[in-house]
Amino acid sequence: MSKRLPEHLDPWRFADLGEAFAGSVALQDLSRLRESLLDDQGRASFELEFYRDERRRACLKGRVEATLLLECQRCLKAVLLKVSSDTAIAFVEGFDEAEQLPEALDPWMVEDQRVSLQDLIEDELLLALPQVAMHPADECTATDTGARADTAIEAADEAERENPFAILSGLKATKD
């Protein structure tokens, strides 16, 4: 199953052949992902398998994973996070085909009858990134400060909520 990853391939032909790939890609070769990383050393591993589904659509299923060095958004220090993505894709040539896919399959628009597996791997890793990268709460150096700030905000909110009609009593007193 371990084969050299082709730069571009015809997904319909590879689905007919039932081709499969396993291996890894250097993070430094993934330019869009690299923008989110503190360090681009390391590799992303993948297992990808082409197949035809019951309706003869060219599909790909697989798994992509990597351990990435990101910036914790609480303490602004480095955090090492493992991200992974299980994917099921159907290759389509237009929006009409994409709309007819079952929910279990994500569409992948193919231009010029070729796809780049490296782009596909990079897209899956980008989608697997957390919205906000953070250490676990018990490991983050900013957690104590954040907890105190949260308590202060809650106390201020509580003070504002104590009597929402206090202003009305002031208006009534001026009328008399």
N, C-alpha and C. Protein backbone atom coordinates (compact mmCIF):
# COMPACT_ATOMS: atom_id res chain seq x y z
N MET A 1 0.82 -1.19 0.00
CA MET A 1 0.00 0.00 0.00
C MET A 1 0.86 1.26 0.00
N SER A 2 2.07 1.20 0.46
CA SER A 2 2.94 2.37 0.52
C SER A 2 3.56 2.61 -0.85
N LYS A 3 3.14 3.69 -1.49
CA LYS A 3 3.64 4.06 -2.81
C LYS A 3 4.03 5.52 -2.77
N ARG A 4 4.86 5.89 -3.71
CA ARG A 4 5.24 7.30 -3.83
C ARG A 4 4.00 8.10 -4.23
N LEU A 5 3.81 9.23 -3.57
CA LEU A 5 2.65 10.07 -3.81
C LEU A 5 2.82 10.84 -5.12
N PRO A 6 1.94 10.61 -6.11
CA PRO A 6 2.07 11.35 -7.36
C PRO A 6 1.67 12.82 -7.16
N GLU A 7 2.29 13.70 -7.93
CA GLU A 7 1.98 15.12 -7.79
C GLU A 7 0.54 15.41 -8.19
N HIS A 8 0.11 14.91 -9.34
CA HIS A 8 -1.27 15.04 -9.80
C HIS A 8 -1.72 13.69 -10.34
N LEU A 9 -3.02 13.42 -10.20
CA LEU A 9 -3.52 12.14 -10.69
C LEU A 9 -4.94 12.28 -11.18
N ASP A 10 -5.37 11.30 -11.95
CA ASP A 10 -6.74 11.22 -12.46
C ASP A 10 -7.54 10.39 -11.46
N PRO A 11 -8.45 11.01 -10.70
CA PRO A 11 -9.15 10.27 -9.64
C PRO A 11 -10.06 9.17 -10.18
N TRP A 12 -10.61 9.34 -11.38
CA TRP A 12 -11.49 8.32 -11.94
C TRP A 12 -10.70 7.06 -12.29
N ARG A 13 -9.55 7.23 -12.85
CA ARG A 13 -8.70 6.08 -13.19
C ARG A 13 -8.22 5.38 -11.91
N PHE A 14 -7.81 6.16 -10.93
CA PHE A 14 -7.32 5.57 -9.68
C PHE A 14 -8.44 4.86 -8.92
N ALA A 15 -9.69 5.38 -9.03
CA ALA A 15 -10.83 4.70 -8.41
C ALA A 15 -11.11 3.39 -9.12
N ASP A 16 -11.01 3.37 -10.45
CA ASP A 16 -11.20 2.13 -11.21
C ASP A 16 -10.17 1.08 -10.80
N LEU A 17 -8.95 1.52 -10.55
CA LEU A 17 -7.86 0.60 -10.18
C LEU A 17 -7.86 0.25 -8.70
N GLY A 18 -8.65 0.97 -7.89
CA GLY A 18 -8.66 0.72 -6.45
C GLY A 18 -7.33 1.05 -5.80
N GLU A 19 -6.65 2.06 -6.28
CA GLU A 19 -5.33 2.44 -5.77
C GLU A 19 -5.41 2.90 -4.31
N ALA A 20 -4.35 2.65 -3.58
CA ALA A 20 -4.26 3.08 -2.18
C ALA A 20 -2.85 3.63 -1.93
N PHE A 21 -2.79 4.60 -1.03
CA PHE A 21 -1.52 5.23 -0.68
C PHE A 21 -1.43 5.36 0.83
N ALA A 22 -0.25 5.16 1.35
CA ALA A 22 0.04 5.41 2.76
C ALA A 22 1.43 5.98 2.83
N GLY A 23 1.61 6.90 3.73
CA GLY A 23 2.93 7.51 3.86
C GLY A 23 2.87 8.77 4.66
N SER A 24 3.78 9.68 4.35
CA SER A 24 3.81 10.95 5.07
C SER A 24 4.30 12.05 4.14
N VAL A 25 3.95 13.27 4.52
CA VAL A 25 4.31 14.47 3.78
C VAL A 25 4.96 15.43 4.78
N ALA A 26 6.02 16.10 4.37
CA ALA A 26 6.69 17.08 5.24
C ALA A 26 5.78 18.29 5.44
N LEU A 27 5.65 18.73 6.69
CA LEU A 27 4.83 19.90 6.99
C LEU A 27 5.36 21.14 6.27
N GLN A 28 6.66 21.22 6.07
CA GLN A 28 7.23 22.40 5.40
C GLN A 28 6.79 22.48 3.94
N ASP A 29 6.28 21.39 3.36
CA ASP A 29 5.80 21.40 1.98
C ASP A 29 4.34 21.84 1.88
N LEU A 30 3.68 22.06 3.01
CA LEU A 30 2.27 22.44 3.04
C LEU A 30 2.18 23.93 3.34
N SER A 31 2.28 24.75 2.31
CA SER A 31 2.45 26.20 2.49
C SER A 31 1.28 26.87 3.21
N ARG A 32 0.05 26.48 2.92
CA ARG A 32 -1.10 27.12 3.57
C ARG A 32 -1.17 26.74 5.04
N LEU A 33 -0.88 25.50 5.37
CA LEU A 33 -0.88 25.06 6.76
C LEU A 33 0.26 25.70 7.53
N ARG A 34 1.39 25.85 6.89
CA ARG A 34 2.58 26.41 7.52
C ARG A 34 2.31 27.78 8.14
N GLU A 35 1.40 28.56 7.55
CA GLU A 35 1.07 29.89 8.07
C GLU A 35 0.50 29.83 9.48
N SER A 36 -0.10 28.72 9.87
CA SER A 36 -0.71 28.58 11.19
C SER A 36 0.23 27.98 12.22
N LEU A 37 1.39 27.53 11.80
CA LEU A 37 2.30 26.80 12.67
C LEU A 37 3.40 27.69 13.24
N LEU A 38 3.84 27.36 14.46
CA LEU A 38 5.02 28.02 15.02
C LEU A 38 6.29 27.38 14.47
N ASP A 39 6.21 26.10 14.12
CA ASP A 39 7.36 25.37 13.60
C ASP A 39 6.85 24.38 12.56
N ASP A 40 7.48 24.37 11.40
CA ASP A 40 7.02 23.49 10.32
C ASP A 40 7.83 22.20 10.21
N GLN A 41 8.55 21.85 11.26
CA GLN A 41 9.27 20.58 11.26
C GLN A 41 8.28 19.46 11.57
N GLY A 42 8.51 18.32 11.03
CA GLY A 42 7.63 17.19 11.27
C GLY A 42 6.94 16.75 10.00
N ARG A 43 6.10 15.74 10.16
CA ARG A 43 5.44 15.16 9.00
C ARG A 43 3.98 14.89 9.31
N ALA A 44 3.17 14.91 8.27
CA ALA A 44 1.77 14.52 8.36
C ALA A 44 1.65 13.14 7.74
N SER A 45 1.03 12.22 8.45
CA SER A 45 0.86 10.87 7.90
C SER A 45 -0.53 10.74 7.29
N PHE A 46 -0.64 9.85 6.32
CA PHE A 46 -1.91 9.67 5.64
C PHE A 46 -2.09 8.22 5.19
N GLU A 47 -3.34 7.83 5.08
CA GLU A 47 -3.76 6.58 4.45
C GLU A 47 -4.95 6.93 3.57
N LEU A 48 -4.84 6.73 2.29
CA LEU A 48 -5.88 7.10 1.34
C LEU A 48 -6.18 5.93 0.42
N GLU A 49 -7.46 5.72 0.17
CA GLU A 49 -7.87 4.61 -0.70
C GLU A 49 -8.94 5.09 -1.68
N PHE A 50 -8.68 4.89 -2.96
CA PHE A 50 -9.63 5.23 -4.02
C PHE A 50 -10.54 4.03 -4.25
N TYR A 51 -11.81 4.32 -4.57
CA TYR A 51 -12.76 3.24 -4.86
C TYR A 51 -13.96 3.81 -5.63
N ARG A 52 -14.77 2.90 -6.14
CA ARG A 52 -16.05 3.27 -6.77
C ARG A 52 -17.15 2.86 -5.81
N ASP A 53 -18.11 3.76 -5.58
CA ASP A 53 -19.22 3.40 -4.70
C ASP A 53 -20.30 2.67 -5.49
N GLU A 54 -21.42 2.37 -4.84
CA GLU A 54 -22.48 1.59 -5.48
C GLU A 54 -23.10 2.31 -6.68
N ARG A 55 -22.96 3.62 -6.76
CA ARG A 55 -23.47 4.37 -7.90
C ARG A 55 -22.37 4.69 -8.91
N ARG A 56 -21.22 4.02 -8.75
CA ARG A 56 -20.07 4.13 -9.65
C ARG A 56 -19.39 5.51 -9.60
N ARG A 57 -19.60 6.24 -8.50
CA ARG A 57 -18.89 7.51 -8.32
C ARG A 57 -17.46 7.23 -7.91
N ALA A 58 -16.53 8.03 -8.40
CA ALA A 58 -15.13 7.93 -7.98
C ALA A 58 -15.02 8.56 -6.59
N CYS A 59 -14.54 7.77 -5.64
CA CYS A 59 -14.49 8.22 -4.24
C CYS A 59 -13.12 7.95 -3.64
N LEU A 60 -12.90 8.58 -2.51
CA LEU A 60 -11.68 8.39 -1.75
C LEU A 60 -12.05 8.38 -0.28
N LYS A 61 -11.51 7.43 0.46
CA LYS A 61 -11.68 7.45 1.92
C LYS A 61 -10.29 7.37 2.52
N GLY A 62 -10.17 7.94 3.69
CA GLY A 62 -8.85 7.91 4.29
C GLY A 62 -8.76 8.64 5.60
N ARG A 63 -7.54 8.69 6.09
CA ARG A 63 -7.24 9.34 7.36
C ARG A 63 -5.94 10.12 7.20
N VAL A 64 -5.95 11.33 7.77
CA VAL A 64 -4.78 12.20 7.76
C VAL A 64 -4.56 12.65 9.20
N GLU A 65 -3.29 12.61 9.65
CA GLU A 65 -3.02 13.09 11.01
C GLU A 65 -1.62 13.68 11.11
N ALA A 66 -1.48 14.57 12.08
CA ALA A 66 -0.18 15.22 12.30
C ALA A 66 -0.16 15.78 13.71
N THR A 67 1.03 15.93 14.24
CA THR A 67 1.23 16.63 15.50
C THR A 67 1.82 17.99 15.15
N LEU A 68 1.08 19.05 15.52
CA LEU A 68 1.42 20.40 15.08
C LEU A 68 1.78 21.29 16.25
N LEU A 69 2.74 22.17 16.04
CA LEU A 69 3.13 23.15 17.05
C LEU A 69 2.41 24.45 16.74
N LEU A 70 1.42 24.77 17.58
CA LEU A 70 0.59 25.96 17.40
C LEU A 70 0.80 26.92 18.56
N GLU A 71 0.20 28.09 18.49
CA GLU A 71 0.30 29.06 19.58
C GLU A 71 -0.97 29.00 20.42
N CYS A 72 -0.80 28.75 21.72
CA CYS A 72 -1.92 28.74 22.65
C CYS A 72 -2.50 30.15 22.70
N GLN A 73 -3.79 30.27 22.52
CA GLN A 73 -4.42 31.58 22.49
C GLN A 73 -4.75 32.12 23.88
N ARG A 74 -4.49 31.32 24.93
CA ARG A 74 -4.65 31.81 26.29
C ARG A 74 -3.35 32.41 26.81
N CYS A 75 -2.25 31.63 26.69
CA CYS A 75 -0.97 32.06 27.27
C CYS A 75 0.03 32.53 26.22
N LEU A 76 -0.30 32.35 24.95
CA LEU A 76 0.55 32.74 23.82
C LEU A 76 1.88 32.00 23.78
N LYS A 77 1.92 30.82 24.39
CA LYS A 77 3.10 29.97 24.32
C LYS A 77 2.82 28.80 23.39
N ALA A 78 3.85 28.07 23.05
CA ALA A 78 3.71 26.94 22.13
C ALA A 78 2.89 25.81 22.76
N VAL A 79 2.03 25.23 21.96
CA VAL A 79 1.25 24.06 22.38
C VAL A 79 1.34 23.03 21.26
N LEU A 80 1.62 21.80 21.64
CA LEU A 80 1.73 20.69 20.69
C LEU A 80 0.38 19.97 20.64
N LEU A 81 -0.28 20.00 19.50
CA LEU A 81 -1.60 19.38 19.36
C LEU A 81 -1.58 18.34 18.26
N LYS A 82 -2.22 17.22 18.55
CA LYS A 82 -2.38 16.18 17.54
C LYS A 82 -3.74 16.41 16.87
N VAL A 83 -3.71 16.54 15.55
CA VAL A 83 -4.95 16.71 14.79
C VAL A 83 -5.09 15.54 13.83
N SER A 84 -6.33 15.15 13.59
CA SER A 84 -6.57 14.06 12.65
C SER A 84 -7.91 14.29 11.96
N SER A 85 -8.04 13.69 10.81
CA SER A 85 -9.26 13.83 10.03
C SER A 85 -9.53 12.54 9.28
N ASP A 86 -10.72 12.00 9.49
CA ASP A 86 -11.20 10.89 8.67
C ASP A 86 -12.03 11.52 7.56
N THR A 87 -11.78 11.11 6.35
CA THR A 87 -12.45 11.76 5.23
C THR A 87 -13.09 10.74 4.29
N ALA A 88 -14.17 11.17 3.68
CA ALA A 88 -14.84 10.40 2.63
C ALA A 88 -15.24 11.41 1.56
N ILE A 89 -14.65 11.29 0.40
CA ILE A 89 -14.79 12.29 -0.66
C ILE A 89 -15.29 11.63 -1.93
N ALA A 90 -16.15 12.34 -2.65
CA ALA A 90 -16.54 11.95 -4.00
C ALA A 90 -16.03 13.02 -4.95
N PHE A 91 -15.39 12.61 -6.01
CA PHE A 91 -14.85 13.55 -6.99
C PHE A 91 -15.95 13.93 -7.97
N VAL A 92 -16.17 15.23 -8.14
CA VAL A 92 -17.24 15.73 -9.00
C VAL A 92 -16.68 16.78 -9.94
N GLU A 93 -17.42 17.00 -11.04
CA GLU A 93 -16.99 18.00 -12.02
C GLU A 93 -17.86 19.24 -12.02
N GLY A 94 -18.94 19.23 -11.27
CA GLY A 94 -19.82 20.40 -11.25
C GLY A 94 -20.68 20.44 -10.01
N PHE A 95 -21.35 21.58 -9.82
CA PHE A 95 -22.18 21.78 -8.64
C PHE A 95 -23.39 20.85 -8.63
N ASP A 96 -23.93 20.53 -9.82
CA ASP A 96 -25.08 19.63 -9.88
C ASP A 96 -24.73 18.26 -9.30
N GLU A 97 -23.58 17.74 -9.67
CA GLU A 97 -23.12 16.46 -9.12
C GLU A 97 -22.93 16.57 -7.61
N ALA A 98 -22.35 17.67 -7.16
CA ALA A 98 -22.06 17.85 -5.74
C ALA A 98 -23.34 17.87 -4.91
N GLU A 99 -24.38 18.49 -5.43
CA GLU A 99 -25.65 18.58 -4.71
C GLU A 99 -26.34 17.23 -4.58
N GLN A 100 -26.04 16.29 -5.45
CA GLN A 100 -26.69 14.98 -5.44
C GLN A 100 -25.98 13.97 -4.53
N LEU A 101 -24.88 14.37 -3.94
CA LEU A 101 -24.13 13.43 -3.09
C LEU A 101 -24.84 13.20 -1.77
N PRO A 102 -24.72 12.00 -1.23
CA PRO A 102 -25.24 11.77 0.12
C PRO A 102 -24.40 12.55 1.14
N GLU A 103 -24.97 12.78 2.31
CA GLU A 103 -24.27 13.56 3.34
C GLU A 103 -22.97 12.92 3.78
N ALA A 104 -22.84 11.63 3.62
CA ALA A 104 -21.63 10.92 4.07
C ALA A 104 -20.42 11.24 3.20
N LEU A 105 -20.65 11.80 2.01
CA LEU A 105 -19.55 12.12 1.09
C LEU A 105 -19.41 13.63 0.92
N ASP A 106 -18.19 14.11 1.04
CA ASP A 106 -17.89 15.51 0.76
C ASP A 106 -17.49 15.63 -0.71
N PRO A 107 -17.95 16.68 -1.39
CA PRO A 107 -17.56 16.84 -2.79
C PRO A 107 -16.15 17.41 -2.92
N TRP A 108 -15.44 16.99 -3.94
CA TRP A 108 -14.14 17.56 -4.28
C TRP A 108 -14.22 17.91 -5.76
N MET A 109 -14.22 19.21 -6.06
CA MET A 109 -14.30 19.67 -7.45
C MET A 109 -13.00 19.39 -8.17
N VAL A 110 -13.11 18.72 -9.30
CA VAL A 110 -11.94 18.35 -10.09
C VAL A 110 -11.89 19.24 -11.33
N GLU A 111 -10.73 19.87 -11.52
CA GLU A 111 -10.50 20.68 -12.72
C GLU A 111 -9.47 19.97 -13.58
N ASP A 112 -9.67 19.97 -14.85
CA ASP A 112 -8.72 19.38 -15.81
C ASP A 112 -8.46 17.90 -15.56
N GLN A 113 -9.43 17.19 -15.00
CA GLN A 113 -9.33 15.74 -14.78
C GLN A 113 -8.17 15.34 -13.86
N ARG A 114 -7.65 16.29 -13.05
CA ARG A 114 -6.51 15.98 -12.19
C ARG A 114 -6.73 16.55 -10.80
N VAL A 115 -6.22 15.85 -9.81
CA VAL A 115 -6.24 16.34 -8.43
C VAL A 115 -4.83 16.21 -7.85
N SER A 116 -4.56 17.03 -6.87
CA SER A 116 -3.30 16.96 -6.15
C SER A 116 -3.59 16.36 -4.78
N LEU A 117 -3.02 15.19 -4.51
CA LEU A 117 -3.23 14.57 -3.21
C LEU A 117 -2.60 15.39 -2.10
N GLN A 118 -1.52 16.07 -2.38
CA GLN A 118 -0.90 16.91 -1.36
C GLN A 118 -1.85 18.05 -0.96
N ASP A 119 -2.55 18.64 -1.94
CA ASP A 119 -3.54 19.67 -1.62
C ASP A 119 -4.68 19.09 -0.79
N LEU A 120 -5.10 17.89 -1.14
CA LEU A 120 -6.17 17.23 -0.41
C LEU A 120 -5.74 16.97 1.04
N ILE A 121 -4.54 16.48 1.24
CA ILE A 121 -4.01 16.22 2.58
C ILE A 121 -3.94 17.53 3.36
N GLU A 122 -3.45 18.58 2.72
CA GLU A 122 -3.34 19.88 3.39
C GLU A 122 -4.71 20.42 3.76
N ASP A 123 -5.68 20.31 2.86
CA ASP A 123 -7.04 20.77 3.16
C ASP A 123 -7.61 20.04 4.37
N GLU A 124 -7.42 18.74 4.43
CA GLU A 124 -7.94 17.97 5.56
C GLU A 124 -7.30 18.40 6.87
N LEU A 125 -6.01 18.68 6.86
CA LEU A 125 -5.34 19.15 8.08
C LEU A 125 -5.83 20.54 8.47
N LEU A 126 -6.04 21.41 7.50
CA LEU A 126 -6.56 22.75 7.79
C LEU A 126 -7.95 22.66 8.42
N LEU A 127 -8.77 21.77 7.89
CA LEU A 127 -10.12 21.60 8.45
C LEU A 127 -10.08 20.98 9.84
N ALA A 128 -9.04 20.23 10.15
CA ALA A 128 -8.92 19.58 11.45
C ALA A 128 -8.35 20.50 12.53
N LEU A 129 -7.80 21.65 12.13
CA LEU A 129 -7.25 22.58 13.12
C LEU A 129 -8.35 23.06 14.06
N PRO A 130 -8.03 23.21 15.34
CA PRO A 130 -9.04 23.75 16.25
C PRO A 130 -9.29 25.23 15.93
N GLN A 131 -10.50 25.70 16.21
CA GLN A 131 -10.78 27.12 15.98
C GLN A 131 -9.87 27.98 16.84
N VAL A 132 -9.65 27.53 18.07
CA VAL A 132 -8.77 28.23 19.00
C VAL A 132 -7.84 27.21 19.62
N ALA A 133 -6.56 27.32 19.33
CA ALA A 133 -5.58 26.39 19.88
C ALA A 133 -5.28 26.79 21.33
N MET A 134 -5.39 25.81 22.24
CA MET A 134 -5.14 26.07 23.65
C MET A 134 -4.57 24.83 24.32
N HIS A 135 -3.76 25.08 25.36
CA HIS A 135 -3.35 23.99 26.24
C HIS A 135 -4.60 23.50 26.97
N PRO A 136 -4.58 22.27 27.49
CA PRO A 136 -5.64 21.88 28.41
C PRO A 136 -5.63 22.84 29.60
N ALA A 137 -6.78 23.12 30.19
CA ALA A 137 -6.89 24.13 31.25
C ALA A 137 -5.93 23.89 32.40
N ASP A 138 -5.69 22.63 32.75
CA ASP A 138 -4.81 22.34 33.89
C ASP A 138 -3.33 22.48 33.55
N GLU A 139 -2.99 22.67 32.27
CA GLU A 139 -1.60 22.81 31.85
C GLU A 139 -1.24 24.22 31.41
N CYS A 140 -2.22 25.09 31.26
CA CYS A 140 -1.97 26.42 30.72
C CYS A 140 -1.57 27.39 31.82
N THR A 141 -0.52 28.16 31.57
CA THR A 141 -0.04 29.11 32.57
C THR A 141 -0.99 30.29 32.72
N ALA A 142 -1.84 30.53 31.78
CA ALA A 142 -2.76 31.67 31.84
C ALA A 142 -4.09 31.32 32.49
N THR A 143 -4.30 30.08 32.87
CA THR A 143 -5.59 29.65 33.40
C THR A 143 -5.96 30.38 34.68
N ASP A 144 -5.01 30.55 35.62
CA ASP A 144 -5.32 31.23 36.87
C ASP A 144 -5.74 32.67 36.62
N THR A 145 -5.01 33.36 35.78
CA THR A 145 -5.33 34.75 35.45
C THR A 145 -6.68 34.82 34.77
N GLY A 146 -6.93 33.89 33.86
CA GLY A 146 -8.20 33.87 33.15
C GLY A 146 -9.36 33.60 34.08
N ALA A 147 -9.17 32.71 35.06
CA ALA A 147 -10.23 32.39 36.01
C ALA A 147 -10.56 33.61 36.85
N ARG A 148 -9.53 34.36 37.28
CA ARG A 148 -9.77 35.57 38.07
C ARG A 148 -10.50 36.61 37.23
N ALA A 149 -10.13 36.75 35.98
CA ALA A 149 -10.79 37.71 35.10
C ALA A 149 -12.24 37.30 34.87
N ASP A 150 -12.50 36.00 34.69
CA ASP A 150 -13.86 35.52 34.50
C ASP A 150 -14.71 35.81 35.73
N THR A 151 -14.14 35.63 36.93
CA THR A 151 -14.86 35.89 38.18
C THR A 151 -15.20 37.37 38.28
N ALA A 152 -14.27 38.25 37.93
CA ALA A 152 -14.51 39.69 37.98
C ALA A 152 -15.60 40.09 37.00
N ILE A 153 -15.59 39.52 35.82
CA ILE A 153 -16.61 39.83 34.82
C ILE A 153 -17.98 39.35 35.29
N GLU A 154 -18.03 38.15 35.87
CA GLU A 154 -19.30 37.62 36.38
C GLU A 154 -19.83 38.50 37.50
N ALA A 155 -18.96 38.98 38.38
CA ALA A 155 -19.39 39.85 39.48
C ALA A 155 -19.95 41.16 38.94
N ALA A 156 -19.32 41.72 37.92
CA ALA A 156 -19.81 42.96 37.32
C ALA A 156 -21.15 42.73 36.64
N ASP A 157 -21.29 41.61 35.95
CA ASP A 157 -22.56 41.27 35.31
C ASP A 157 -23.66 41.10 36.34
N GLU A 158 -23.34 40.46 37.45
CA GLU A 158 -24.32 40.22 38.52
C GLU A 158 -24.78 41.55 39.11
N ALA A 159 -23.85 42.48 39.29
CA ALA A 159 -24.20 43.79 39.84
C ALA A 159 -25.16 44.52 38.90
N GLU A 160 -24.92 44.40 37.61
CA GLU A 160 -25.80 45.04 36.64
C GLU A 160 -27.17 44.38 36.61
N ARG A 161 -27.25 43.10 36.91
CA ARG A 161 -28.50 42.35 36.84
C ARG A 161 -29.32 42.44 38.12
N GLU A 162 -28.75 42.98 39.18
CA GLU A 162 -29.43 42.95 40.48
C GLU A 162 -30.80 43.59 40.42
N ASN A 163 -30.94 44.79 39.86
CA ASN A 163 -32.23 45.44 39.84
C ASN A 163 -32.41 46.17 38.52
N PRO A 164 -32.99 45.50 37.55
CA PRO A 164 -33.14 46.13 36.24
C PRO A 164 -34.17 47.27 36.25
N PHE A 165 -35.03 47.34 37.28
CA PHE A 165 -36.07 48.37 37.32
C PHE A 165 -35.71 49.54 38.22
N ALA A 166 -34.46 49.58 38.69
CA ALA A 166 -34.04 50.66 39.59
C ALA A 166 -34.20 52.02 38.93
N ILE A 167 -33.96 52.11 37.66
CA ILE A 167 -34.09 53.40 36.97
C ILE A 167 -35.54 53.86 36.93
N LEU A 168 -36.49 52.92 36.87
CA LEU A 168 -37.91 53.29 36.85
C LEU A 168 -38.34 53.90 38.17
N SER A 169 -37.81 53.39 39.27
CA SER A 169 -38.18 53.96 40.58
C SER A 169 -37.67 55.39 40.69
N GLY A 170 -36.53 55.66 40.07
CA GLY A 170 -36.01 57.03 40.07
C GLY A 170 -36.91 57.96 39.26
N LEU A 171 -37.46 57.51 38.17
CA LEU A 171 -38.37 58.32 37.36
C LEU A 171 -39.67 58.59 38.09
N LYS A 172 -40.19 57.60 38.81
CA LYS A 172 -41.44 57.74 39.55
C LYS A 172 -41.28 58.77 40.66
N ALA A 173 -40.13 58.78 41.32
CA ALA A 173 -39.89 59.71 42.41
C ALA A 173 -39.87 61.15 41.91
N THR A 174 -39.41 61.42 40.72
CA THR A 174 -39.34 62.79 40.20
C THR A 174 -40.70 63.30 39.76
N LYS A 175 -41.66 62.43 39.47
CA LYS A 175 -43.01 62.84 39.06
C LYS A 175 -43.81 63.36 40.24
N ASP A 176 -43.61 62.79 41.41
CA ASP A 176 -44.40 63.15 42.60
C ASP A 176 -44.11 64.50 43.09
